[in-house]
Amino acid sequence: AFAQLELSIFGPEMPAKFDAAVKAAGHSERNILVS
């Protein structure tokens, strides 16, 4: 499925944690839109 995920809070570790969470859930960057 496709998911649009909105960033409301942003910190220096967030991009790496975000990517790790996406991968751990078995998702791909192809079906994620960050807004």
Full PDB file with SEQRES, HELIX, SHEET, SSBOND, CRYST1, ORIGX, SCALE, CONECT and MASTER records, all heavy atoms in Angstrom:
SEQRES   1 A   35  ALA PHE ALA GLN LEU GLU LEU SER ILE PHE GLY PRO GLU          
SEQRES   2 A   35  MET PRO ALA LYS PHE ASP ALA ALA VAL LYS ALA ALA GLY          
SEQRES   3 A   35  HIS SER GLU ARG ASN ILE LEU VAL SER                          
HELIX    1 AA1 MET A   14  ALA A   24  1                                  11    
HELIX    2 AA2 GLU A   29  ASN A   31  5                                   3    
SHEET    1 AA1 2 ALA A   3  LEU A   5  0                                        
SHEET    2 AA1 2 ILE A  32  VAL A  34  1                                        
CRYST1    1.000    1.000    1.000  90.00  90.00  90.00 P 1           1          
ORIGX1      1.000000  0.000000  0.000000        0.00000                         
ORIGX2      0.000000  1.000000  0.000000        0.00000                         
ORIGX3      0.000000  0.000000  1.000000        0.00000                         
SCALE1      1.000000  0.000000  0.000000        0.00000                         
SCALE2      0.000000  1.000000  0.000000        0.00000                         
SCALE3      0.000000  0.000000  1.000000        0.00000                         
ATOM      1  N   ALA A   1       0.842  -1.203   0.000  1.00  0.00           N  
ATOM      2  CA  ALA A   1       0.000   0.000   0.000  1.00  0.00           C  
ATOM      3  C   ALA A   1       0.876   1.251   0.000  1.00  0.00           C  
ATOM      4  O   ALA A   1       2.066   1.201   0.296  1.00  0.00           O  
ATOM      5  CB  ALA A   1      -0.907   0.008   1.223  1.00  0.00           C  
ATOM      6  N   PHE A   2       0.261   2.359  -0.306  1.00  0.00           N  
ATOM      7  CA  PHE A   2       0.922   3.652  -0.294  1.00  0.00           C  
ATOM      8  C   PHE A   2       0.585   4.365   1.002  1.00  0.00           C  
ATOM      9  O   PHE A   2      -0.555   4.323   1.455  1.00  0.00           O  
ATOM     10  CB  PHE A   2       0.441   4.483  -1.489  1.00  0.00           C  
ATOM     11  CG  PHE A   2       0.889   5.908  -1.454  1.00  0.00           C  
ATOM     12  CD1 PHE A   2       2.194   6.238  -1.713  1.00  0.00           C  
ATOM     13  CD2 PHE A   2       0.001   6.922  -1.141  1.00  0.00           C  
ATOM     14  CE1 PHE A   2       2.617   7.560  -1.668  1.00  0.00           C  
ATOM     15  CE2 PHE A   2       0.404   8.240  -1.096  1.00  0.00           C  
ATOM     16  CZ  PHE A   2       1.723   8.555  -1.361  1.00  0.00           C  
ATOM     17  N   ALA A   3       1.577   5.029   1.588  1.00  0.00           N  
ATOM     18  CA  ALA A   3       1.338   5.787   2.818  1.00  0.00           C  
ATOM     19  C   ALA A   3       1.964   7.171   2.705  1.00  0.00           C  
ATOM     20  O   ALA A   3       3.120   7.304   2.282  1.00  0.00           O  
ATOM     21  CB  ALA A   3       1.918   5.056   4.022  1.00  0.00           C  
ATOM     22  N   GLN A   4       1.197   8.182   3.036  1.00  0.00           N  
ATOM     23  CA  GLN A   4       1.722   9.539   3.150  1.00  0.00           C  
ATOM     24  C   GLN A   4       1.886   9.822   4.638  1.00  0.00           C  
ATOM     25  O   GLN A   4       0.925   9.761   5.403  1.00  0.00           O  
ATOM     26  CB  GLN A   4       0.786  10.574   2.532  1.00  0.00           C  
ATOM     27  CG  GLN A   4       1.321  11.994   2.678  1.00  0.00           C  
ATOM     28  CD  GLN A   4       0.437  13.033   2.008  1.00  0.00           C  
ATOM     29  OE1 GLN A   4      -0.295  12.725   1.070  1.00  0.00           O  
ATOM     30  NE2 GLN A   4       0.522  14.256   2.484  1.00  0.00           N  
ATOM     31  N   LEU A   5       3.098  10.097   5.048  1.00  0.00           N  
ATOM     32  CA  LEU A   5       3.416  10.309   6.452  1.00  0.00           C  
ATOM     33  C   LEU A   5       3.887  11.742   6.642  1.00  0.00           C  
ATOM     34  O   LEU A   5       4.810  12.186   5.981  1.00  0.00           O  
ATOM     35  CB  LEU A   5       4.490   9.321   6.909  1.00  0.00           C  
ATOM     36  CG  LEU A   5       4.122   7.851   6.687  1.00  0.00           C  
ATOM     37  CD1 LEU A   5       5.321   6.952   6.914  1.00  0.00           C  
ATOM     38  CD2 LEU A   5       2.971   7.449   7.590  1.00  0.00           C  
ATOM     39  N   GLU A   6       3.214  12.451   7.540  1.00  0.00           N  
ATOM     40  CA  GLU A   6       3.521  13.863   7.759  1.00  0.00           C  
ATOM     41  C   GLU A   6       4.482  14.032   8.931  1.00  0.00           C  
ATOM     42  O   GLU A   6       4.256  13.507  10.012  1.00  0.00           O  
ATOM     43  CB  GLU A   6       2.243  14.652   8.036  1.00  0.00           C  
ATOM     44  CG  GLU A   6       2.487  16.132   8.191  1.00  0.00           C  
ATOM     45  CD  GLU A   6       1.218  16.931   8.386  1.00  0.00           C  
ATOM     46  OE1 GLU A   6       0.125  16.409   8.101  1.00  0.00           O  
ATOM     47  OE2 GLU A   6       1.328  18.082   8.826  1.00  0.00           O  
ATOM     48  N   LEU A   7       5.552  14.791   8.680  1.00  0.00           N  
ATOM     49  CA  LEU A   7       6.514  15.129   9.733  1.00  0.00           C  
ATOM     50  C   LEU A   7       5.991  16.339  10.487  1.00  0.00           C  
ATOM     51  O   LEU A   7       5.781  17.387   9.907  1.00  0.00           O  
ATOM     52  CB  LEU A   7       7.872  15.512   9.131  1.00  0.00           C  
ATOM     53  CG  LEU A   7       8.622  14.494   8.312  1.00  0.00           C  
ATOM     54  CD1 LEU A   7       9.892  15.118   7.754  1.00  0.00           C  
ATOM     55  CD2 LEU A   7       8.946  13.281   9.137  1.00  0.00           C  
ATOM     56  N   SER A   8       5.787  16.181  11.770  1.00  0.00           N  
ATOM     57  CA  SER A   8       5.378  17.313  12.599  1.00  0.00           C  
ATOM     58  C   SER A   8       6.512  17.757  13.504  1.00  0.00           C  
ATOM     59  O   SER A   8       6.655  18.925  13.803  1.00  0.00           O  
ATOM     60  CB  SER A   8       4.157  16.951  13.451  1.00  0.00           C  
ATOM     61  OG  SER A   8       3.055  16.722  12.623  1.00  0.00           O  
ATOM     62  N   ILE A   9       7.304  16.795  13.946  1.00  0.00           N  
ATOM     63  CA  ILE A   9       8.444  17.082  14.812  1.00  0.00           C  
ATOM     64  C   ILE A   9       9.673  16.525  14.126  1.00  0.00           C  
ATOM     65  O   ILE A   9       9.652  15.413  13.604  1.00  0.00           O  
ATOM     66  CB  ILE A   9       8.254  16.427  16.196  1.00  0.00           C  
ATOM     67  CG1 ILE A   9       7.010  16.985  16.863  1.00  0.00           C  
ATOM     68  CG2 ILE A   9       9.489  16.631  17.064  1.00  0.00           C  
ATOM     69  CD1 ILE A   9       6.640  16.306  18.155  1.00  0.00           C  
ATOM     70  N   PHE A  10      10.729  17.307  14.130  1.00  0.00           N  
ATOM     71  CA  PHE A  10      11.929  16.900  13.424  1.00  0.00           C  
ATOM     72  C   PHE A  10      13.139  17.122  14.311  1.00  0.00           C  
ATOM     73  O   PHE A  10      13.325  18.188  14.875  1.00  0.00           O  
ATOM     74  CB  PHE A  10      12.075  17.734  12.136  1.00  0.00           C  
ATOM     75  CG  PHE A  10      13.164  17.250  11.241  1.00  0.00           C  
ATOM     76  CD1 PHE A  10      12.911  16.247  10.326  1.00  0.00           C  
ATOM     77  CD2 PHE A  10      14.436  17.776  11.322  1.00  0.00           C  
ATOM     78  CE1 PHE A  10      13.913  15.789   9.491  1.00  0.00           C  
ATOM     79  CE2 PHE A  10      15.443  17.321  10.486  1.00  0.00           C  
ATOM     80  CZ  PHE A  10      15.177  16.328   9.569  1.00  0.00           C  
ATOM     81  N   GLY A  11      13.947  16.082  14.454  1.00  0.00           N  
ATOM     82  CA  GLY A  11      15.192  16.180  15.204  1.00  0.00           C  
ATOM     83  C   GLY A  11      16.306  15.557  14.399  1.00  0.00           C  
ATOM     84  O   GLY A  11      16.070  14.904  13.382  1.00  0.00           O  
ATOM     85  N   PRO A  12      17.544  15.710  14.833  1.00  0.00           N  
ATOM     86  CA  PRO A  12      18.677  15.232  14.037  1.00  0.00           C  
ATOM     87  C   PRO A  12      18.699  13.723  13.798  1.00  0.00           C  
ATOM     88  O   PRO A  12      19.191  13.263  12.777  1.00  0.00           O  
ATOM     89  CB  PRO A  12      19.904  15.680  14.826  1.00  0.00           C  
ATOM     90  CG  PRO A  12      19.424  16.221  16.116  1.00  0.00           C  
ATOM     91  CD  PRO A  12      17.945  16.400  16.040  1.00  0.00           C  
ATOM     92  N   GLU A  13      18.168  12.942  14.733  1.00  0.00           N  
ATOM     93  CA  GLU A  13      18.182  11.479  14.562  1.00  0.00           C  
ATOM     94  C   GLU A  13      16.977  10.973  13.772  1.00  0.00           C  
ATOM     95  O   GLU A  13      16.918   9.811  13.397  1.00  0.00           O  
ATOM     96  CB  GLU A  13      18.205  10.763  15.926  1.00  0.00           C  
ATOM     97  CG  GLU A  13      19.399  11.084  16.789  1.00  0.00           C  
ATOM     98  CD  GLU A  13      19.121  12.266  17.713  1.00  0.00           C  
ATOM     99  OE1 GLU A  13      17.947  12.509  18.043  1.00  0.00           O  
ATOM    100  OE2 GLU A  13      20.088  12.949  18.076  1.00  0.00           O  
ATOM    101  N   MET A  14      15.993  11.824  13.544  1.00  0.00           N  
ATOM    102  CA  MET A  14      14.731  11.379  12.957  1.00  0.00           C  
ATOM    103  C   MET A  14      14.881  10.733  11.581  1.00  0.00           C  
ATOM    104  O   MET A  14      14.298   9.671  11.348  1.00  0.00           O  
ATOM    105  CB  MET A  14      13.733  12.539  12.915  1.00  0.00           C  
ATOM    106  CG  MET A  14      12.296  12.099  12.684  1.00  0.00           C  
ATOM    107  SD  MET A  14      11.880  11.694  10.999  1.00  0.00           S  
ATOM    108  CE  MET A  14      12.033  13.247  10.205  1.00  0.00           C  
ATOM    109  N   PRO A  15      15.643  11.294  10.631  1.00  0.00           N  
ATOM    110  CA  PRO A  15      15.694  10.646   9.308  1.00  0.00           C  
ATOM    111  C   PRO A  15      16.201   9.200   9.361  1.00  0.00           C  
ATOM    112  O   PRO A  15      15.643   8.317   8.711  1.00  0.00           O  
ATOM    113  CB  PRO A  15      16.632  11.541   8.501  1.00  0.00           C  
ATOM    114  CG  PRO A  15      16.521  12.875   9.157  1.00  0.00           C  
ATOM    115  CD  PRO A  15      16.343  12.575  10.621  1.00  0.00           C  
ATOM    116  N   ALA A  16      17.231   8.935  10.145  1.00  0.00           N  
ATOM    117  CA  ALA A  16      17.760   7.571  10.240  1.00  0.00           C  
ATOM    118  C   ALA A  16      16.755   6.655  10.942  1.00  0.00           C  
ATOM    119  O   ALA A  16      16.550   5.509  10.522  1.00  0.00           O  
ATOM    120  CB  ALA A  16      19.093   7.577  10.976  1.00  0.00           C  
ATOM    121  N   LYS A  17      16.108   7.144  11.991  1.00  0.00           N  
ATOM    122  CA  LYS A  17      15.108   6.337  12.700  1.00  0.00           C  
ATOM    123  C   LYS A  17      13.910   6.061  11.794  1.00  0.00           C  
ATOM    124  O   LYS A  17      13.337   4.975  11.815  1.00  0.00           O  
ATOM    125  CB  LYS A  17      14.662   7.037  13.979  1.00  0.00           C  
ATOM    126  CG  LYS A  17      15.714   7.001  15.075  1.00  0.00           C  
ATOM    127  CD  LYS A  17      15.200   7.681  16.331  1.00  0.00           C  
ATOM    128  CE  LYS A  17      16.226   7.600  17.446  1.00  0.00           C  
ATOM    129  NZ  LYS A  17      15.745   8.210  18.688  1.00  0.00           N  
ATOM    130  N   PHE A  18      13.520   7.051  11.009  1.00  0.00           N  
ATOM    131  CA  PHE A  18      12.409   6.895  10.070  1.00  0.00           C  
ATOM    132  C   PHE A  18      12.726   5.783   9.084  1.00  0.00           C  
ATOM    133  O   PHE A  18      11.929   4.868   8.871  1.00  0.00           O  
ATOM    134  CB  PHE A  18      12.174   8.225   9.338  1.00  0.00           C  
ATOM    135  CG  PHE A  18      11.018   8.200   8.383  1.00  0.00           C  
ATOM    136  CD1 PHE A  18       9.769   8.628   8.790  1.00  0.00           C  
ATOM    137  CD2 PHE A  18      11.175   7.764   7.081  1.00  0.00           C  
ATOM    138  CE1 PHE A  18       8.690   8.615   7.921  1.00  0.00           C  
ATOM    139  CE2 PHE A  18      10.107   7.745   6.204  1.00  0.00           C  
ATOM    140  CZ  PHE A  18       8.863   8.170   6.619  1.00  0.00           C  
ATOM    141  N   ASP A  19      13.892   5.849   8.480  1.00  0.00           N  
ATOM    142  CA  ASP A  19      14.297   4.859   7.489  1.00  0.00           C  
ATOM    143  C   ASP A  19      14.353   3.465   8.113  1.00  0.00           C  
ATOM    144  O   ASP A  19      13.883   2.491   7.513  1.00  0.00           O  
ATOM    145  CB  ASP A  19      15.650   5.242   6.887  1.00  0.00           C  
ATOM    146  CG  ASP A  19      15.964   4.450   5.637  1.00  0.00           C  
ATOM    147  OD1 ASP A  19      15.084   4.302   4.768  1.00  0.00           O  
ATOM    148  OD2 ASP A  19      17.118   3.977   5.532  1.00  0.00           O  
ATOM    149  N   ALA A  20      14.886   3.364   9.309  1.00  0.00           N  
ATOM    150  CA  ALA A  20      14.959   2.070   9.998  1.00  0.00           C  
ATOM    151  C   ALA A  20      13.565   1.517  10.268  1.00  0.00           C  
ATOM    152  O   ALA A  20      13.328   0.310  10.098  1.00  0.00           O  
ATOM    153  CB  ALA A  20      15.747   2.210  11.302  1.00  0.00           C  
ATOM    154  N   ALA A  21      12.635   2.362  10.670  1.00  0.00           N  
ATOM    155  CA  ALA A  21      11.261   1.915  10.943  1.00  0.00           C  
ATOM    156  C   ALA A  21      10.581   1.431   9.667  1.00  0.00           C  
ATOM    157  O   ALA A  21       9.873   0.416   9.685  1.00  0.00           O  
ATOM    158  CB  ALA A  21      10.453   3.043  11.586  1.00  0.00           C  
ATOM    159  N   VAL A  22      10.794   2.135   8.563  1.00  0.00           N  
ATOM    160  CA  VAL A  22      10.215   1.728   7.279  1.00  0.00           C  
ATOM    161  C   VAL A  22      10.743   0.352   6.880  1.00  0.00           C  
ATOM    162  O   VAL A  22       9.985  -0.549   6.520  1.00  0.00           O  
ATOM    163  CB  VAL A  22      10.504   2.783   6.183  1.00  0.00           C  
ATOM    164  CG1 VAL A  22      10.172   2.252   4.802  1.00  0.00           C  
ATOM    165  CG2 VAL A  22       9.729   4.068   6.470  1.00  0.00           C  
ATOM    166  N   LYS A  23      12.050   0.183   6.982  1.00  0.00           N  
ATOM    167  CA  LYS A  23      12.656  -1.099   6.601  1.00  0.00           C  
ATOM    168  C   LYS A  23      12.216  -2.223   7.532  1.00  0.00           C  
ATOM    169  O   LYS A  23      11.920  -3.330   7.081  1.00  0.00           O  
ATOM    170  CB  LYS A  23      14.171  -0.965   6.586  1.00  0.00           C  
ATOM    171  CG  LYS A  23      14.674  -0.139   5.428  1.00  0.00           C  
ATOM    172  CD  LYS A  23      16.165   0.028   5.451  1.00  0.00           C  
ATOM    173  CE  LYS A  23      16.597   0.892   4.277  1.00  0.00           C  
ATOM    174  NZ  LYS A  23      17.987   1.291   4.374  1.00  0.00           N  
ATOM    175  N   ALA A  24      12.171  -1.948   8.836  1.00  0.00           N  
ATOM    176  CA  ALA A  24      11.770  -2.978   9.811  1.00  0.00           C  
ATOM    177  C   ALA A  24      10.344  -3.459   9.570  1.00  0.00           C  
ATOM    178  O   ALA A  24      10.026  -4.625   9.821  1.00  0.00           O  
ATOM    179  CB  ALA A  24      11.922  -2.437  11.235  1.00  0.00           C  
ATOM    180  N   ALA A  25       9.490  -2.578   9.067  1.00  0.00           N  
ATOM    181  CA  ALA A  25       8.096  -2.948   8.793  1.00  0.00           C  
ATOM    182  C   ALA A  25       7.935  -3.629   7.436  1.00  0.00           C  
ATOM    183  O   ALA A  25       6.828  -4.022   7.067  1.00  0.00           O  
ATOM    184  CB  ALA A  25       7.202  -1.709   8.867  1.00  0.00           C  
ATOM    185  N   GLY A  26       9.031  -3.764   6.698  1.00  0.00           N  
ATOM    186  CA  GLY A  26       8.969  -4.427   5.398  1.00  0.00           C  
ATOM    187  C   GLY A  26       8.508  -3.537   4.267  1.00  0.00           C  
ATOM    188  O   GLY A  26       8.153  -4.016   3.197  1.00  0.00           O  
ATOM    189  N   HIS A  27       8.508  -2.236   4.499  1.00  0.00           N  
ATOM    190  CA  HIS A  27       8.097  -1.284   3.466  1.00  0.00           C  
ATOM    191  C   HIS A  27       9.297  -0.841   2.639  1.00  0.00           C  
ATOM    192  O   HIS A  27      10.443  -1.084   2.990  1.00  0.00           O  
ATOM    193  CB  HIS A  27       7.424  -0.056   4.095  1.00  0.00           C  
ATOM    194  CG  HIS A  27       6.076  -0.343   4.651  1.00  0.00           C  
ATOM    195  ND1 HIS A  27       4.937  -0.351   3.888  1.00  0.00           N  
ATOM    196  CD2 HIS A  27       5.675  -0.665   5.909  1.00  0.00           C  
ATOM    197  CE1 HIS A  27       3.902  -0.660   4.647  1.00  0.00           C  
ATOM    198  NE2 HIS A  27       4.326  -0.855   5.878  1.00  0.00           N  
ATOM    199  N   SER A  28       8.999  -0.160   1.572  1.00  0.00           N  
ATOM    200  CA  SER A  28      10.016   0.386   0.680  1.00  0.00           C  
ATOM    201  C   SER A  28       9.780   1.877   0.535  1.00  0.00           C  
ATOM    202  O   SER A  28       8.643   2.348   0.663  1.00  0.00           O  
ATOM    203  CB  SER A  28       9.894  -0.293  -0.691  1.00  0.00           C  
ATOM    204  OG  SER A  28      10.578   0.435  -1.676  1.00  0.00           O  
ATOM    205  N   GLU A  29      10.826   2.597   0.223  1.00  0.00           N  
ATOM    206  CA  GLU A  29      10.670   4.039  -0.016  1.00  0.00           C  
ATOM    207  C   GLU A  29       9.747   4.310  -1.199  1.00  0.00           C  
ATOM    208  O   GLU A  29       9.202   5.399  -1.322  1.00  0.00           O  
ATOM    209  CB  GLU A  29      12.032   4.714  -0.217  1.00  0.00           C  
ATOM    210  CG  GLU A  29      12.760   4.310  -1.470  1.00  0.00           C  
ATOM    211  CD  GLU A  29      13.611   3.049  -1.342  1.00  0.00           C  
ATOM    212  OE1 GLU A  29      13.656   2.439  -0.247  1.00  0.00           O  
ATOM    213  OE2 GLU A  29      14.223   2.656  -2.349  1.00  0.00           O  
ATOM    214  N   ARG A  30       9.525   3.344  -2.058  1.00  0.00           N  
ATOM    215  CA  ARG A  30       8.663   3.541  -3.225  1.00  0.00           C  
ATOM    216  C   ARG A  30       7.206   3.751  -2.841  1.00  0.00           C  
ATOM    217  O   ARG A  30       6.444   4.325  -3.602  1.00  0.00           O  
ATOM    218  CB  ARG A  30       8.787   2.366  -4.188  1.00  0.00           C  
ATOM    219  CG  ARG A  30      10.127   2.309  -4.903  1.00  0.00           C  
ATOM    220  CD  ARG A  30      10.184   1.179  -5.916  1.00  0.00           C  
ATOM    221  NE  ARG A  30       9.823  -0.127  -5.385  1.00  0.00           N  
ATOM    222  CZ  ARG A  30      10.652  -0.933  -4.712  1.00  0.00           C  
ATOM    223  NH1 ARG A  30      11.887  -0.556  -4.484  1.00  0.00           N  
ATOM    224  NH2 ARG A  30      10.249  -2.106  -4.283  1.00  0.00           N  
ATOM    225  N   ASN A  31       6.796   3.244  -1.677  1.00  0.00           N  
ATOM    226  CA  ASN A  31       5.390   3.395  -1.305  1.00  0.00           C  
ATOM    227  C   ASN A  31       5.201   4.324  -0.110  1.00  0.00           C  
ATOM    228  O   ASN A  31       4.180   4.282   0.558  1.00  0.00           O  
ATOM    229  CB  ASN A  31       4.721   2.035  -1.078  1.00  0.00           C  
ATOM    230  CG  ASN A  31       5.315   1.256   0.082  1.00  0.00           C  
ATOM    231  OD1 ASN A  31       6.493   1.384   0.381  1.00  0.00           O  
ATOM    232  ND2 ASN A  31       4.512   0.435   0.726  1.00  0.00           N  
ATOM    233  N   ILE A  32       6.174   5.199   0.113  1.00  0.00           N  
ATOM    234  CA  ILE A  32       6.092   6.170   1.204  1.00  0.00           C  
ATOM    235  C   ILE A  32       6.275   7.571   0.629  1.00  0.00           C  
ATOM    236  O   ILE A  32       7.187   7.815  -0.162  1.00  0.00           O  
ATOM    237  CB  ILE A  32       7.196   5.921   2.266  1.00  0.00           C  
ATOM    238  CG1 ILE A  32       7.133   4.499   2.828  1.00  0.00           C  
ATOM    239  CG2 ILE A  32       7.150   6.972   3.363  1.00  0.00           C  
ATOM    240  CD1 ILE A  32       5.951   4.202   3.723  1.00  0.00           C  
ATOM    241  N   LEU A  33       5.410   8.484   1.027  1.00  0.00           N  
ATOM    242  CA  LEU A  33       5.553   9.904   0.699  1.00  0.00           C  
ATOM    243  C   LEU A  33       5.647  10.646   2.025  1.00  0.00           C  
ATOM    244  O   LEU A  33       4.792  10.480   2.899  1.00  0.00           O  
ATOM    245  CB  LEU A  33       4.344  10.402  -0.097  1.00  0.00           C  
ATOM    246  CG  LEU A  33       4.303  11.899  -0.408  1.00  0.00           C  
ATOM    247  CD1 LEU A  33       5.427  12.287  -1.369  1.00  0.00           C  
ATOM    248  CD2 LEU A  33       2.964  12.287  -0.998  1.00  0.00           C  
ATOM    249  N   VAL A  34       6.697  11.440   2.179  1.00  0.00           N  
ATOM    250  CA  VAL A  34       6.923  12.195   3.411  1.00  0.00           C  
ATOM    251  C   VAL A  34       6.482  13.631   3.163  1.00  0.00           C  
ATOM    252  O   VAL A  34       6.945  14.270   2.215  1.00  0.00           O  
ATOM    253  CB  VAL A  34       8.401  12.142   3.829  1.00  0.00           C  
ATOM    254  CG1 VAL A  34       8.639  12.955   5.085  1.00  0.00           C  
ATOM    255  CG2 VAL A  34       8.836  10.695   4.034  1.00  0.00           C  
ATOM    256  N   SER A  35       5.584  14.129   4.001  1.00  0.00           N  
ATOM    257  CA  SER A  35       5.089  15.495   3.831  1.00  0.00           C  
ATOM    258  C   SER A  35       5.289  16.289   5.105  1.00  0.00           C  
ATOM    259  O   SER A  35       5.387  15.730   6.195  1.00  0.00           O  
ATOM    260  CB  SER A  35       3.611  15.481   3.434  1.00  0.00           C  
ATOM    261  OG  SER A  35       2.823  14.888   4.444  1.00  0.00           O  
TER     262      SER A  35                                                      
MASTER        0    0    0    2    2    0    0    6  261    1    0    3          
END                                                                             
